[in-house]
Amino acid sequence: MTTETDSNDLSFDAAGIGCKTAWVIRRQSAAIVGTQLWAIELDVHWCYAFGVVRTIDYNYGVACCGPAWSFDRWIETDLPPAGPASVTSFVQAQFKYSVAWFQGGKAPWIKITVNGDGTATRTWG
């Protein structure tokens, strides 16, 4: 199961100047027992003015782990500085599981693009 939480306006005015936060929580749960197996989250807070991303701050992390699952590593964290009209951030985590002789893993990712007009797009997989 994947959960996305919509943007939360912190402040905004009609002149196109303001600050916002966008976030995504990507999680997987065991349907049979309702236990969360793993989760990753990316929060992006940005301020914008006149079509430019003026400041940007990131928070990301994992919530770990259900039975037989463990957090292995961050595969990629691309968290660029502010400046242009749009900034795209990306995080990808590696989780592993081991039950008896069965082993495997998942590598969920989150991408958030924020724009100088206050809009944002979010994708995950």
C-alpha atoms as a PDB file:
ATOM      1  CA  MET A   1       0.000   0.000   0.000  1.00  0.00           C
ATOM      2  CA  THR A   2       1.300   3.479  -0.862  1.00  0.00           C
ATOM      3  CA  THR A   3       0.255   6.646   0.894  1.00  0.00           C
ATOM      4  CA  GLU A   4       0.636  10.150  -0.478  1.00  0.00           C
ATOM      5  CA  THR A   5      -0.195  13.245   1.516  1.00  0.00           C
ATOM      6  CA  ASP A   6      -1.059  16.383  -0.406  1.00  0.00           C
ATOM      7  CA  SER A   7       0.814  19.663  -0.256  1.00  0.00           C
ATOM      8  CA  ASN A   8       0.197  21.767   2.799  1.00  0.00           C
ATOM      9  CA  ASP A   9       0.137  25.531   2.227  1.00  0.00           C
ATOM     10  CA  LEU A  10       2.169  27.231   4.933  1.00  0.00           C
ATOM     11  CA  SER A  11       1.802  30.706   3.470  1.00  0.00           C
ATOM     12  CA  PHE A  12       0.877  32.188   0.131  1.00  0.00           C
ATOM     13  CA  ASP A  13      -0.175  35.501  -1.293  1.00  0.00           C
ATOM     14  CA  ALA A  14      -1.603  36.543  -4.640  1.00  0.00           C
ATOM     15  CA  ALA A  15       1.716  38.056  -5.761  1.00  0.00           C
ATOM     16  CA  GLY A  16       3.231  34.580  -6.262  1.00  0.00           C
ATOM     17  CA  ILE A  17       5.462  34.757  -3.190  1.00  0.00           C
ATOM     18  CA  GLY A  18       5.264  32.190  -0.419  1.00  0.00           C
ATOM     19  CA  CYS A  19       6.443  28.965   1.171  1.00  0.00           C
ATOM     20  CA  LYS A  20       5.026  25.454   0.974  1.00  0.00           C
ATOM     21  CA  THR A  21       5.734  21.893   2.038  1.00  0.00           C
ATOM     22  CA  ALA A  22       5.137  18.786  -0.061  1.00  0.00           C
ATOM     23  CA  TRP A  23       5.673  15.262   1.222  1.00  0.00           C
ATOM     24  CA  VAL A  24       5.192  11.641   0.316  1.00  0.00           C
ATOM     25  CA  ILE A  25       5.201   8.598   2.567  1.00  0.00           C
ATOM     26  CA  ARG A  26       5.721   5.349   0.668  1.00  0.00           C
ATOM     27  CA  ARG A  27       4.955   2.284   2.762  1.00  0.00           C
ATOM     28  CA  GLN A  28       4.252  -1.395   2.436  1.00  0.00           C
ATOM     29  CA  SER A  29       2.093  -3.334   4.849  1.00  0.00           C
ATOM     30  CA  ALA A  30       1.337  -7.007   5.259  1.00  0.00           C
ATOM     31  CA  ALA A  31      -2.314  -7.353   4.282  1.00  0.00           C
ATOM     32  CA  ILE A  32      -2.901 -10.489   6.331  1.00  0.00           C
ATOM     33  CA  VAL A  33      -1.766  -9.106   9.682  1.00  0.00           C
ATOM     34  CA  GLY A  34      -1.932  -5.339   9.007  1.00  0.00           C
ATOM     35  CA  THR A  35       1.684  -4.771  10.054  1.00  0.00           C
ATOM     36  CA  GLN A  36       3.783  -2.092   8.378  1.00  0.00           C
ATOM     37  CA  LEU A  37       6.797  -3.804   6.808  1.00  0.00           C
ATOM     38  CA  TRP A  38       8.734  -0.653   5.864  1.00  0.00           C
ATOM     39  CA  ALA A  39       8.226   3.002   4.966  1.00  0.00           C
ATOM     40  CA  ILE A  40      10.227   5.841   3.458  1.00  0.00           C
ATOM     41  CA  GLU A  41       9.350   9.522   3.568  1.00  0.00           C
ATOM     42  CA  LEU A  42      10.542  12.644   1.767  1.00  0.00           C
ATOM     43  CA  ASP A  43       9.493  16.143   2.865  1.00  0.00           C
ATOM     44  CA  VAL A  44      10.418  19.202   0.797  1.00  0.00           C
ATOM     45  CA  HIS A  45       9.913  22.711   2.184  1.00  0.00           C
ATOM     46  CA  TRP A  46      10.545  25.521  -0.281  1.00  0.00           C
ATOM     47  CA  CYS A  47      10.040  29.250  -0.564  1.00  0.00           C
ATOM     48  CA  TYR A  48       9.525  30.875  -3.927  1.00  0.00           C
ATOM     49  CA  ALA A  49       9.231  34.318  -5.435  1.00  0.00           C
ATOM     50  CA  PHE A  50       8.911  35.638  -8.974  1.00  0.00           C
ATOM     51  CA  GLY A  51       9.051  32.169 -10.528  1.00  0.00           C
ATOM     52  CA  VAL A  52      12.225  31.004  -8.757  1.00  0.00           C
ATOM     53  CA  VAL A  53      12.781  28.508  -5.934  1.00  0.00           C
ATOM     54  CA  ARG A  54      14.538  30.813  -3.442  1.00  0.00           C
ATOM     55  CA  THR A  55      15.177  28.422  -0.539  1.00  0.00           C
ATOM     56  CA  ILE A  56      14.736  24.685  -0.112  1.00  0.00           C
ATOM     57  CA  ASP A  57      15.038  22.274   2.804  1.00  0.00           C
ATOM     58  CA  TYR A  58      14.717  18.491   2.876  1.00  0.00           C
ATOM     59  CA  ASN A  59      13.861  15.853   5.446  1.00  0.00           C
ATOM     60  CA  TYR A  60      13.899  12.163   4.595  1.00  0.00           C
ATOM     61  CA  GLY A  61      13.960   8.944   6.532  1.00  0.00           C
ATOM     62  CA  VAL A  62      12.798   5.392   6.990  1.00  0.00           C
ATOM     63  CA  ALA A  63      10.446   3.685   9.405  1.00  0.00           C
ATOM     64  CA  CYS A  64      11.603   0.158   9.847  1.00  0.00           C
ATOM     65  CA  CYS A  65      10.792  -2.679   9.975  1.00  0.00           C
ATOM     66  CA  GLY A  66       8.237  -5.450  10.141  1.00  0.00           C
ATOM     67  CA  PRO A  67       8.992  -9.115  10.798  1.00  0.00           C
ATOM     68  CA  ALA A  68      11.930 -10.405   8.723  1.00  0.00           C
ATOM     69  CA  TRP A  69      12.565  -6.969   7.105  1.00  0.00           C
ATOM     70  CA  SER A  70      15.584  -4.692   7.619  1.00  0.00           C
ATOM     71  CA  PHE A  71      16.773  -1.385   6.208  1.00  0.00           C
ATOM     72  CA  ASP A  72      19.952  -1.994   4.183  1.00  0.00           C
ATOM     73  CA  ARG A  73      21.038   1.406   2.804  1.00  0.00           C
ATOM     74  CA  TRP A  74      20.170   4.521   0.873  1.00  0.00           C
ATOM     75  CA  ILE A  75      20.724   3.685  -2.798  1.00  0.00           C
ATOM     76  CA  GLU A  76      20.468   7.312  -3.881  1.00  0.00           C
ATOM     77  CA  THR A  77      19.746  10.698  -2.345  1.00  0.00           C
ATOM     78  CA  ASP A  78      19.674  13.584  -4.821  1.00  0.00           C
ATOM     79  CA  LEU A  79      18.792  16.755  -2.907  1.00  0.00           C
ATOM     80  CA  PRO A  80      19.862  19.747  -5.039  1.00  0.00           C
ATOM     81  CA  PRO A  81      20.118  23.369  -3.869  1.00  0.00           C
ATOM     82  CA  ALA A  82      17.581  26.110  -4.577  1.00  0.00           C
ATOM     83  CA  GLY A  83      17.940  28.426  -7.523  1.00  0.00           C
ATOM     84  CA  PRO A  84      16.199  27.556 -10.765  1.00  0.00           C
ATOM     85  CA  ALA A  85      12.503  27.686 -11.641  1.00  0.00           C
ATOM     86  CA  SER A  86      12.116  24.026 -10.589  1.00  0.00           C
ATOM     87  CA  VAL A  87      14.059  21.651  -8.346  1.00  0.00           C
ATOM     88  CA  THR A  88      13.672  17.859  -8.406  1.00  0.00           C
ATOM     89  CA  SER A  89      14.610  15.767  -5.381  1.00  0.00           C
ATOM     90  CA  PHE A  90      14.901  11.984  -5.352  1.00  0.00           C
ATOM     91  CA  VAL A  91      15.505   9.361  -2.661  1.00  0.00           C
ATOM     92  CA  GLN A  92      15.660   5.577  -2.959  1.00  0.00           C
ATOM     93  CA  ALA A  93      16.078   3.098  -0.116  1.00  0.00           C
ATOM     94  CA  GLN A  94      16.983  -0.596  -0.048  1.00  0.00           C
ATOM     95  CA  PHE A  95      15.115  -2.952   2.284  1.00  0.00           C
ATOM     96  CA  LYS A  96      15.866  -6.659   2.611  1.00  0.00           C
ATOM     97  CA  TYR A  97      13.913  -9.589   3.997  1.00  0.00           C
ATOM     98  CA  SER A  98      14.929 -13.046   5.061  1.00  0.00           C
ATOM     99  CA  VAL A  99      12.604 -15.833   6.129  1.00  0.00           C
ATOM    100  CA  ALA A 100      14.168 -19.273   6.434  1.00  0.00           C
ATOM    101  CA  TRP A 101      15.732 -19.836   3.009  1.00  0.00           C
ATOM    102  CA  PHE A 102      13.681 -17.112   1.245  1.00  0.00           C
ATOM    103  CA  GLN A 103      15.517 -13.831   0.750  1.00  0.00           C
ATOM    104  CA  GLY A 104      14.724 -10.759  -1.270  1.00  0.00           C
ATOM    105  CA  GLY A 105      14.317  -7.058  -1.156  1.00  0.00           C
ATOM    106  CA  LYS A 106      12.554  -3.901  -2.243  1.00  0.00           C
ATOM    107  CA  ALA A 107      13.984  -0.611  -3.466  1.00  0.00           C
ATOM    108  CA  PRO A 108      11.196   1.988  -3.142  1.00  0.00           C
ATOM    109  CA  TRP A 109      11.763   5.532  -4.358  1.00  0.00           C
ATOM    110  CA  ILE A 110      10.173   8.975  -4.128  1.00  0.00           C
ATOM    111  CA  LYS A 111      10.591  11.966  -6.446  1.00  0.00           C
ATOM    112  CA  ILE A 112       9.243  15.459  -5.720  1.00  0.00           C
ATOM    113  CA  THR A 113       9.604  18.414  -8.099  1.00  0.00           C
ATOM    114  CA  VAL A 114       8.874  21.867  -6.660  1.00  0.00           C
ATOM    115  CA  ASN A 115       8.426  24.957  -8.782  1.00  0.00           C
ATOM    116  CA  GLY A 116       8.943  28.679  -8.475  1.00  0.00           C
ATOM    117  CA  ASP A 117       5.196  29.261  -8.904  1.00  0.00           C
ATOM    118  CA  GLY A 118       4.387  27.253  -5.754  1.00  0.00           C
ATOM    119  CA  THR A 119       3.238  24.070  -7.487  1.00  0.00           C
ATOM    120  CA  ALA A 120       4.693  20.600  -6.949  1.00  0.00           C
ATOM    121  CA  THR A 121       4.486  17.159  -8.538  1.00  0.00           C
ATOM    122  CA  ARG A 122       5.106  13.861  -6.742  1.00  0.00           C
ATOM    123  CA  THR A 123       5.798  10.378  -8.051  1.00  0.00           C
ATOM    124  CA  TRP A 124       6.893   7.185  -6.388  1.00  0.00           C
ATOM    125  CA  GLY A 125       7.540   3.585  -7.129  1.00  0.00           C
END
